[in-house]
mmCIF file of all heavy atoms, coordinates in Angstrom:
data_MODEL
# 
_entry.id   MODEL 
# 
loop_
_atom_site.group_PDB 
_atom_site.id 
_atom_site.type_symbol 
_atom_site.label_atom_id 
_atom_site.label_alt_id 
_atom_site.label_comp_id 
_atom_site.label_asym_id 
_atom_site.label_entity_id 
_atom_site.label_seq_id 
_atom_site.pdbx_PDB_ins_code 
_atom_site.Cartn_x 
_atom_site.Cartn_y 
_atom_site.Cartn_z 
_atom_site.occupancy 
_atom_site.B_iso_or_equiv 
_atom_site.pdbx_formal_charge 
_atom_site.auth_seq_id 
_atom_site.auth_comp_id 
_atom_site.auth_asym_id 
_atom_site.auth_atom_id 
_atom_site.pdbx_PDB_model_num 
ATOM 1   N N   . TYR A 1 1  ? 3.902   -4.874 -7.181  1.00 0.00 ? 1  TYR A N   1 
ATOM 2   C CA  . TYR A 1 1  ? 3.461   -5.917 -8.231  1.00 0.00 ? 1  TYR A CA  1 
ATOM 3   C C   . TYR A 1 1  ? 4.072   -5.415 -9.472  1.00 0.00 ? 1  TYR A C   1 
ATOM 4   O O   . TYR A 1 1  ? 4.628   -4.208 -9.662  1.00 0.00 ? 1  TYR A O   1 
ATOM 5   C CB  . TYR A 1 1  ? 2.097   -6.173 -8.271  1.00 0.00 ? 1  TYR A CB  1 
ATOM 6   C CG  . TYR A 1 1  ? 1.435   -6.568 -6.914  1.00 0.00 ? 1  TYR A CG  1 
ATOM 7   C CD1 . TYR A 1 1  ? 0.845   -5.548 -6.028  1.00 0.00 ? 1  TYR A CD1 1 
ATOM 8   C CD2 . TYR A 1 1  ? 1.589   -7.730 -6.500  1.00 0.00 ? 1  TYR A CD2 1 
ATOM 9   C CE1 . TYR A 1 1  ? 0.472   -5.891 -4.852  1.00 0.00 ? 1  TYR A CE1 1 
ATOM 10  C CE2 . TYR A 1 1  ? 1.078   -8.121 -5.278  1.00 0.00 ? 1  TYR A CE2 1 
ATOM 11  C CZ  . TYR A 1 1  ? 0.533   -7.195 -4.325  1.00 0.00 ? 1  TYR A CZ  1 
ATOM 12  O OH  . TYR A 1 1  ? 0.068   -7.388 -3.103  1.00 0.00 ? 1  TYR A OH  1 
ATOM 13  N N   . ASP A 1 2  ? 4.048   -5.960 -10.579 1.00 0.00 ? 2  ASP A N   1 
ATOM 14  C CA  . ASP A 1 2  ? 4.720   -5.716 -11.863 1.00 0.00 ? 2  ASP A CA  1 
ATOM 15  C C   . ASP A 1 2  ? 4.001   -4.445 -12.341 1.00 0.00 ? 2  ASP A C   1 
ATOM 16  O O   . ASP A 1 2  ? 2.894   -4.550 -13.002 1.00 0.00 ? 2  ASP A O   1 
ATOM 17  C CB  . ASP A 1 2  ? 4.588   -6.817 -12.868 1.00 0.00 ? 2  ASP A CB  1 
ATOM 18  C CG  . ASP A 1 2  ? 5.430   -6.550 -14.112 1.00 0.00 ? 2  ASP A CG  1 
ATOM 19  O OD1 . ASP A 1 2  ? 6.096   -5.531 -14.128 1.00 0.00 ? 2  ASP A OD1 1 
ATOM 20  O OD2 . ASP A 1 2  ? 5.354   -7.402 -14.985 1.00 0.00 ? 2  ASP A OD2 1 
ATOM 21  N N   . GLY A 1 3  ? 4.513   -3.403 -12.068 1.00 0.00 ? 3  GLY A N   1 
ATOM 22  C CA  . GLY A 1 3  ? 4.011   -2.018 -12.601 1.00 0.00 ? 3  GLY A CA  1 
ATOM 23  C C   . GLY A 1 3  ? 3.278   -1.196 -11.642 1.00 0.00 ? 3  GLY A C   1 
ATOM 24  O O   . GLY A 1 3  ? 2.631   -0.225 -11.988 1.00 0.00 ? 3  GLY A O   1 
ATOM 25  N N   . ILE A 1 4  ? 2.994   -1.875 -10.557 1.00 0.00 ? 4  ILE A N   1 
ATOM 26  C CA  . ILE A 1 4  ? 2.172   -1.112 -9.427  1.00 0.00 ? 4  ILE A CA  1 
ATOM 27  C C   . ILE A 1 4  ? 2.912   -1.225 -8.144  1.00 0.00 ? 4  ILE A C   1 
ATOM 28  O O   . ILE A 1 4  ? 3.246   -2.307 -7.646  1.00 0.00 ? 4  ILE A O   1 
ATOM 29  C CB  . ILE A 1 4  ? 0.870   -1.709 -9.240  1.00 0.00 ? 4  ILE A CB  1 
ATOM 30  C CG1 . ILE A 1 4  ? 0.062   -1.561 -10.618 1.00 0.00 ? 4  ILE A CG1 1 
ATOM 31  C CG2 . ILE A 1 4  ? 0.132   -0.902 -8.126  1.00 0.00 ? 4  ILE A CG2 1 
ATOM 32  C CD1 . ILE A 1 4  ? -1.289  -2.235 -10.682 1.00 0.00 ? 4  ILE A CD1 1 
ATOM 33  N N   . GLY A 1 5  ? 3.279   -0.062 -7.492  1.00 0.00 ? 5  GLY A N   1 
ATOM 34  C CA  . GLY A 1 5  ? 3.925   -0.077 -6.136  1.00 0.00 ? 5  GLY A CA  1 
ATOM 35  C C   . GLY A 1 5  ? 3.136   0.966  -5.323  1.00 0.00 ? 5  GLY A C   1 
ATOM 36  O O   . GLY A 1 5  ? 2.815   2.046  -5.604  1.00 0.00 ? 5  GLY A O   1 
ATOM 37  N N   . LEU A 1 6  ? 2.732   0.362  -4.183  1.00 0.00 ? 6  LEU A N   1 
ATOM 38  C CA  . LEU A 1 6  ? 1.869   1.166  -3.131  1.00 0.00 ? 6  LEU A CA  1 
ATOM 39  C C   . LEU A 1 6  ? 2.514   1.177  -1.855  1.00 0.00 ? 6  LEU A C   1 
ATOM 40  O O   . LEU A 1 6  ? 2.878   0.071  -1.195  1.00 0.00 ? 6  LEU A O   1 
ATOM 41  C CB  . LEU A 1 6  ? 0.484   0.465  -3.030  1.00 0.00 ? 6  LEU A CB  1 
ATOM 42  C CG  . LEU A 1 6  ? -0.291  0.504  -4.362  1.00 0.00 ? 6  LEU A CG  1 
ATOM 43  C CD1 . LEU A 1 6  ? -1.546  -0.452 -4.191  1.00 0.00 ? 6  LEU A CD1 1 
ATOM 44  C CD2 . LEU A 1 6  ? -0.844  1.797  -4.658  1.00 0.00 ? 6  LEU A CD2 1 
ATOM 45  N N   . ASP A 1 7  ? 2.813   2.322  -1.357  1.00 0.00 ? 7  ASP A N   1 
ATOM 46  C CA  . ASP A 1 7  ? 3.315   2.480  0.069   1.00 0.00 ? 7  ASP A CA  1 
ATOM 47  C C   . ASP A 1 7  ? 2.180   2.382  1.082   1.00 0.00 ? 7  ASP A C   1 
ATOM 48  O O   . ASP A 1 7  ? 1.009   2.808  0.715   1.00 0.00 ? 7  ASP A O   1 
ATOM 49  C CB  . ASP A 1 7  ? 3.987   3.833  0.314   1.00 0.00 ? 7  ASP A CB  1 
ATOM 50  C CG  . ASP A 1 7  ? 5.113   3.992  -0.619  1.00 0.00 ? 7  ASP A CG  1 
ATOM 51  O OD1 . ASP A 1 7  ? 6.122   3.116  -0.583  1.00 0.00 ? 7  ASP A OD1 1 
ATOM 52  O OD2 . ASP A 1 7  ? 5.269   4.985  -1.398  1.00 0.00 ? 7  ASP A OD2 1 
ATOM 53  N N   . VAL A 1 8  ? 2.448   1.798  2.243   1.00 0.00 ? 8  VAL A N   1 
ATOM 54  C CA  . VAL A 1 8  ? 1.352   1.530  3.236   1.00 0.00 ? 8  VAL A CA  1 
ATOM 55  C C   . VAL A 1 8  ? 1.571   2.589  4.317   1.00 0.00 ? 8  VAL A C   1 
ATOM 56  O O   . VAL A 1 8  ? 2.634   2.596  4.826   1.00 0.00 ? 8  VAL A O   1 
ATOM 57  C CB  . VAL A 1 8  ? 1.560   0.057  3.758   1.00 0.00 ? 8  VAL A CB  1 
ATOM 58  C CG1 . VAL A 1 8  ? 0.513   -0.095 4.871   1.00 0.00 ? 8  VAL A CG1 1 
ATOM 59  C CG2 . VAL A 1 8  ? 1.307   -0.915 2.526   1.00 0.00 ? 8  VAL A CG2 1 
ATOM 60  N N   . ILE A 1 9  ? 0.461   3.191  4.740   1.00 0.00 ? 9  ILE A N   1 
ATOM 61  C CA  . ILE A 1 9  ? 0.394   4.008  5.761   1.00 0.00 ? 9  ILE A CA  1 
ATOM 62  C C   . ILE A 1 9  ? -0.753  3.623  6.837   1.00 0.00 ? 9  ILE A C   1 
ATOM 63  O O   . ILE A 1 9  ? -1.856  3.480  6.466   1.00 0.00 ? 9  ILE A O   1 
ATOM 64  C CB  . ILE A 1 9  ? 0.116   5.498  5.375   1.00 0.00 ? 9  ILE A CB  1 
ATOM 65  C CG1 . ILE A 1 9  ? 1.223   6.116  4.550   1.00 0.00 ? 9  ILE A CG1 1 
ATOM 66  C CG2 . ILE A 1 9  ? -0.155  6.429  6.644   1.00 0.00 ? 9  ILE A CG2 1 
ATOM 67  C CD1 . ILE A 1 9  ? 1.024   7.419  4.027   1.00 0.00 ? 9  ILE A CD1 1 
ATOM 68  N N   . GLN A 1 10 ? -0.143  3.194  8.031   1.00 0.00 ? 10 GLN A N   1 
ATOM 69  C CA  . GLN A 1 10 ? -1.240  2.908  9.028   1.00 0.00 ? 10 GLN A CA  1 
ATOM 70  C C   . GLN A 1 10 ? -1.832  4.134  9.682   1.00 0.00 ? 10 GLN A C   1 
ATOM 71  O O   . GLN A 1 10 ? -1.191  5.144  10.096  1.00 0.00 ? 10 GLN A O   1 
ATOM 72  C CB  . GLN A 1 10 ? -0.670  2.006  10.155  1.00 0.00 ? 10 GLN A CB  1 
ATOM 73  C CG  . GLN A 1 10 ? -1.685  1.482  11.120  1.00 0.00 ? 10 GLN A CG  1 
ATOM 74  C CD  . GLN A 1 10 ? -0.984  0.549  12.168  1.00 0.00 ? 10 GLN A CD  1 
ATOM 75  O OE1 . GLN A 1 10 ? 0.291   0.572  12.424  1.00 0.00 ? 10 GLN A OE1 1 
ATOM 76  N NE2 . GLN A 1 10 ? -1.829  -0.091 12.854  1.00 0.00 ? 10 GLN A NE2 1 
ATOM 77  N N   . LEU A 1 11 ? -3.179  4.211  9.697   1.00 0.00 ? 11 LEU A N   1 
ATOM 78  C CA  . LEU A 1 11 ? -3.912  5.233  10.252  1.00 0.00 ? 11 LEU A CA  1 
ATOM 79  C C   . LEU A 1 11 ? -4.856  4.733  11.361  1.00 0.00 ? 11 LEU A C   1 
ATOM 80  O O   . LEU A 1 11 ? -5.962  4.250  11.169  1.00 0.00 ? 11 LEU A O   1 
ATOM 81  C CB  . LEU A 1 11 ? -4.804  5.962  9.199   1.00 0.00 ? 11 LEU A CB  1 
ATOM 82  C CG  . LEU A 1 11 ? -3.996  6.519  7.995   1.00 0.00 ? 11 LEU A CG  1 
ATOM 83  C CD1 . LEU A 1 11 ? -4.925  6.955  6.816   1.00 0.00 ? 11 LEU A CD1 1 
ATOM 84  C CD2 . LEU A 1 11 ? -3.146  7.729  8.543   1.00 0.00 ? 11 LEU A CD2 1 
ATOM 85  N N   . ARG A 1 12 ? -4.302  4.667  12.677  1.00 0.00 ? 12 ARG A N   1 
ATOM 86  C CA  . ARG A 1 12 ? -4.958  3.930  13.728  1.00 0.00 ? 12 ARG A CA  1 
ATOM 87  C C   . ARG A 1 12 ? -6.124  4.872  14.248  1.00 0.00 ? 12 ARG A C   1 
ATOM 88  O O   . ARG A 1 12 ? -6.016  5.959  14.441  1.00 0.00 ? 12 ARG A O   1 
ATOM 89  C CB  . ARG A 1 12 ? -3.943  3.726  14.717  1.00 0.00 ? 12 ARG A CB  1 
ATOM 90  C CG  . ARG A 1 12 ? -2.671  2.910  14.305  1.00 0.00 ? 12 ARG A CG  1 
ATOM 91  C CD  . ARG A 1 12 ? -1.533  3.113  15.145  1.00 0.00 ? 12 ARG A CD  1 
ATOM 92  N NE  . ARG A 1 12 ? -0.935  4.335  14.906  1.00 0.00 ? 12 ARG A NE  1 
ATOM 93  C CZ  . ARG A 1 12 ? 0.157   4.846  15.491  1.00 0.00 ? 12 ARG A CZ  1 
ATOM 94  N NH1 . ARG A 1 12 ? 0.926   4.048  16.169  1.00 0.00 ? 12 ARG A NH1 1 
ATOM 95  N NH2 . ARG A 1 12 ? 0.600   6.077  15.360  1.00 0.00 ? 12 ARG A NH2 1 
ATOM 96  N N   . GLY A 1 13 ? -7.182  4.146  14.601  1.00 0.00 ? 13 GLY A N   1 
ATOM 97  C CA  . GLY A 1 13 ? -8.251  4.856  15.254  1.00 0.00 ? 13 GLY A CA  1 
ATOM 98  C C   . GLY A 1 13 ? -9.674  4.337  14.684  1.00 0.00 ? 13 GLY A C   1 
ATOM 99  O O   . GLY A 1 13 ? -10.533 4.110  15.449  1.00 0.00 ? 13 GLY A O   1 
ATOM 100 N N   . HIS A 1 14 ? -9.866  4.450  13.397  1.00 0.00 ? 14 HIS A N   1 
ATOM 101 C CA  . HIS A 1 14 ? -11.213 3.923  12.912  1.00 0.00 ? 14 HIS A CA  1 
ATOM 102 C C   . HIS A 1 14 ? -11.285 2.396  13.211  1.00 0.00 ? 14 HIS A C   1 
ATOM 103 O O   . HIS A 1 14 ? -12.344 1.932  13.644  1.00 0.00 ? 14 HIS A O   1 
ATOM 104 C CB  . HIS A 1 14 ? -11.332 4.113  11.377  1.00 0.00 ? 14 HIS A CB  1 
ATOM 105 C CG  . HIS A 1 14 ? -12.592 3.759  10.782  1.00 0.00 ? 14 HIS A CG  1 
ATOM 106 N ND1 . HIS A 1 14 ? -13.884 4.329  11.161  1.00 0.00 ? 14 HIS A ND1 1 
ATOM 107 C CD2 . HIS A 1 14 ? -12.821 2.794  9.863   1.00 0.00 ? 14 HIS A CD2 1 
ATOM 108 C CE1 . HIS A 1 14 ? -14.791 3.723  10.537  1.00 0.00 ? 14 HIS A CE1 1 
ATOM 109 N NE2 . HIS A 1 14 ? -14.237 2.770  9.707   1.00 0.00 ? 14 HIS A NE2 1 
ATOM 110 N N   . THR A 1 15 ? -10.300 1.756  12.921  1.00 0.00 ? 15 THR A N   1 
ATOM 111 C CA  . THR A 1 15 ? -10.004 0.373  13.346  1.00 0.00 ? 15 THR A CA  1 
ATOM 112 C C   . THR A 1 15 ? -8.385  0.287  13.829  1.00 0.00 ? 15 THR A C   1 
ATOM 113 O O   . THR A 1 15 ? -7.710  1.036  13.317  1.00 0.00 ? 15 THR A O   1 
ATOM 114 C CB  . THR A 1 15 ? -10.222 -0.610 12.406  1.00 0.00 ? 15 THR A CB  1 
ATOM 115 O OG1 . THR A 1 15 ? -9.383  -0.784 11.343  1.00 0.00 ? 15 THR A OG1 1 
ATOM 116 C CG2 . THR A 1 15 ? -11.665 -0.691 11.879  1.00 0.00 ? 15 THR A CG2 1 
ATOM 117 N N   . PRO A 1 16 ? -8.045  -0.693 14.593  1.00 0.00 ? 16 PRO A N   1 
ATOM 118 C CA  . PRO A 1 16 ? -6.678  -0.729 14.953  1.00 0.00 ? 16 PRO A CA  1 
ATOM 119 C C   . PRO A 1 16 ? -5.656  -0.975 13.821  1.00 0.00 ? 16 PRO A C   1 
ATOM 120 O O   . PRO A 1 16 ? -4.605  -0.382 13.806  1.00 0.00 ? 16 PRO A O   1 
ATOM 121 C CB  . PRO A 1 16 ? -6.552  -1.906 15.906  1.00 0.00 ? 16 PRO A CB  1 
ATOM 122 C CG  . PRO A 1 16 ? -7.896  -1.981 16.460  1.00 0.00 ? 16 PRO A CG  1 
ATOM 123 C CD  . PRO A 1 16 ? -8.911  -1.673 15.439  1.00 0.00 ? 16 PRO A CD  1 
ATOM 124 N N   . GLY A 1 17 ? -6.139  -1.580 12.778  1.00 0.00 ? 17 GLY A N   1 
ATOM 125 C CA  . GLY A 1 17 ? -5.305  -1.964 11.593  1.00 0.00 ? 17 GLY A CA  1 
ATOM 126 C C   . GLY A 1 17 ? -5.631  -1.255 10.326  1.00 0.00 ? 17 GLY A C   1 
ATOM 127 O O   . GLY A 1 17 ? -5.147  -1.638 9.298   1.00 0.00 ? 17 GLY A O   1 
ATOM 128 N N   . SER A 1 18 ? -6.360  -0.084 10.450  1.00 0.00 ? 18 SER A N   1 
ATOM 129 C CA  . SER A 1 18 ? -6.642  0.601  9.216   1.00 0.00 ? 18 SER A CA  1 
ATOM 130 C C   . SER A 1 18 ? -5.462  1.108  8.508   1.00 0.00 ? 18 SER A C   1 
ATOM 131 O O   . SER A 1 18 ? -4.467  1.584  9.227   1.00 0.00 ? 18 SER A O   1 
ATOM 132 C CB  . SER A 1 18 ? -7.599  1.854  9.488   1.00 0.00 ? 18 SER A CB  1 
ATOM 133 O OG  . SER A 1 18 ? -8.774  1.520  9.892   1.00 0.00 ? 18 SER A OG  1 
ATOM 134 N N   . VAL A 1 19 ? -5.331  0.943  7.167   1.00 0.00 ? 19 VAL A N   1 
ATOM 135 C CA  . VAL A 1 19 ? -4.263  1.227  6.408   1.00 0.00 ? 19 VAL A CA  1 
ATOM 136 C C   . VAL A 1 19 ? -4.706  2.075  5.187   1.00 0.00 ? 19 VAL A C   1 
ATOM 137 O O   . VAL A 1 19 ? -5.849  1.893  4.756   1.00 0.00 ? 19 VAL A O   1 
ATOM 138 C CB  . VAL A 1 19 ? -3.403  0.196  5.847   1.00 0.00 ? 19 VAL A CB  1 
ATOM 139 C CG1 . VAL A 1 19 ? -2.560  -0.492 7.154   1.00 0.00 ? 19 VAL A CG1 1 
ATOM 140 C CG2 . VAL A 1 19 ? -4.094  -0.862 5.198   1.00 0.00 ? 19 VAL A CG2 1 
ATOM 141 N N   . ALA A 1 20 ? -3.922  3.037  4.657   1.00 0.00 ? 20 ALA A N   1 
ATOM 142 C CA  . ALA A 1 20 ? -4.098  3.677  3.463   1.00 0.00 ? 20 ALA A CA  1 
ATOM 143 C C   . ALA A 1 20 ? -2.947  3.269  2.468   1.00 0.00 ? 20 ALA A C   1 
ATOM 144 O O   . ALA A 1 20 ? -1.918  2.782  2.938   1.00 0.00 ? 20 ALA A O   1 
ATOM 145 C CB  . ALA A 1 20 ? -3.954  5.053  3.586   1.00 0.00 ? 20 ALA A CB  1 
ATOM 146 N N   . PHE A 1 21 ? -3.397  3.244  1.278   1.00 0.00 ? 21 PHE A N   1 
ATOM 147 C CA  . PHE A 1 21 ? -2.372  2.832  0.203   1.00 0.00 ? 21 PHE A CA  1 
ATOM 148 C C   . PHE A 1 21 ? -2.012  4.116  -0.646  1.00 0.00 ? 21 PHE A C   1 
ATOM 149 O O   . PHE A 1 21 ? -2.961  4.759  -1.229  1.00 0.00 ? 21 PHE A O   1 
ATOM 150 C CB  . PHE A 1 21 ? -2.903  1.739  -0.796  1.00 0.00 ? 21 PHE A CB  1 
ATOM 151 C CG  . PHE A 1 21 ? -3.290  0.530  0.067   1.00 0.00 ? 21 PHE A CG  1 
ATOM 152 C CD1 . PHE A 1 21 ? -4.510  0.232  0.504   1.00 0.00 ? 21 PHE A CD1 1 
ATOM 153 C CD2 . PHE A 1 21 ? -2.193  -0.386 0.492   1.00 0.00 ? 21 PHE A CD2 1 
ATOM 154 C CE1 . PHE A 1 21 ? -4.785  -1.023 1.239   1.00 0.00 ? 21 PHE A CE1 1 
ATOM 155 C CE2 . PHE A 1 21 ? -2.445  -1.544 1.189   1.00 0.00 ? 21 PHE A CE2 1 
ATOM 156 C CZ  . PHE A 1 21 ? -3.817  -1.762 1.626   1.00 0.00 ? 21 PHE A CZ  1 
ATOM 157 N N   . VAL A 1 22 ? -0.753  4.327  -0.837  1.00 0.00 ? 22 VAL A N   1 
ATOM 158 C CA  . VAL A 1 22 ? -0.323  5.490  -1.577  1.00 0.00 ? 22 VAL A CA  1 
ATOM 159 C C   . VAL A 1 22 ? 0.360   5.213  -2.822  1.00 0.00 ? 22 VAL A C   1 
ATOM 160 O O   . VAL A 1 22 ? 1.342   4.313  -2.924  1.00 0.00 ? 22 VAL A O   1 
ATOM 161 C CB  . VAL A 1 22 ? 0.842   6.241  -0.627  1.00 0.00 ? 22 VAL A CB  1 
ATOM 162 C CG1 . VAL A 1 22 ? 1.346   7.590  -1.377  1.00 0.00 ? 22 VAL A CG1 1 
ATOM 163 C CG2 . VAL A 1 22 ? 0.269   6.603  0.757   1.00 0.00 ? 22 VAL A CG2 1 
ATOM 164 N N   . TYR A 1 23 ? -0.086  5.864  -3.975  1.00 0.00 ? 23 TYR A N   1 
ATOM 165 C CA  . TYR A 1 23 ? 0.449   5.600  -5.320  1.00 0.00 ? 23 TYR A CA  1 
ATOM 166 C C   . TYR A 1 23 ? 1.025   6.869  -5.684  1.00 0.00 ? 23 TYR A C   1 
ATOM 167 O O   . TYR A 1 23 ? 0.285   7.940  -5.942  1.00 0.00 ? 23 TYR A O   1 
ATOM 168 C CB  . TYR A 1 23 ? -0.717  5.190  -6.183  1.00 0.00 ? 23 TYR A CB  1 
ATOM 169 C CG  . TYR A 1 23 ? -0.072  4.919  -7.596  1.00 0.00 ? 23 TYR A CG  1 
ATOM 170 C CD1 . TYR A 1 23 ? 0.598   3.775  -8.081  1.00 0.00 ? 23 TYR A CD1 1 
ATOM 171 C CD2 . TYR A 1 23 ? -0.247  5.928  -8.668  1.00 0.00 ? 23 TYR A CD2 1 
ATOM 172 C CE1 . TYR A 1 23 ? 1.259   3.669  -9.265  1.00 0.00 ? 23 TYR A CE1 1 
ATOM 173 C CE2 . TYR A 1 23 ? 0.396   5.759  -9.933  1.00 0.00 ? 23 TYR A CE2 1 
ATOM 174 C CZ  . TYR A 1 23 ? 1.199   4.550  -10.129 1.00 0.00 ? 23 TYR A CZ  1 
ATOM 175 O OH  . TYR A 1 23 ? 1.702   4.407  -11.377 1.00 0.00 ? 23 TYR A OH  1 
ATOM 176 N N   . PRO A 1 24 ? 2.362   6.965  -5.841  1.00 0.00 ? 24 PRO A N   1 
ATOM 177 C CA  . PRO A 1 24 ? 2.927   8.211  -6.280  1.00 0.00 ? 24 PRO A CA  1 
ATOM 178 C C   . PRO A 1 24 ? 3.117   8.301  -7.722  1.00 0.00 ? 24 PRO A C   1 
ATOM 179 O O   . PRO A 1 24 ? 3.154   7.290  -8.423  1.00 0.00 ? 24 PRO A O   1 
ATOM 180 C CB  . PRO A 1 24 ? 4.515   8.088  -5.574  1.00 0.00 ? 24 PRO A CB  1 
ATOM 181 C CG  . PRO A 1 24 ? 4.726   6.658  -5.450  1.00 0.00 ? 24 PRO A CG  1 
ATOM 182 C CD  . PRO A 1 24 ? 3.380   6.019  -5.218  1.00 0.00 ? 24 PRO A CD  1 
# 
């Protein structure tokens, strides 16, 4: 989004589609 970029990392196991959001 304008001024915010987040990389998506899937972390499977807690739920099938669990994701983490990474802000460098």
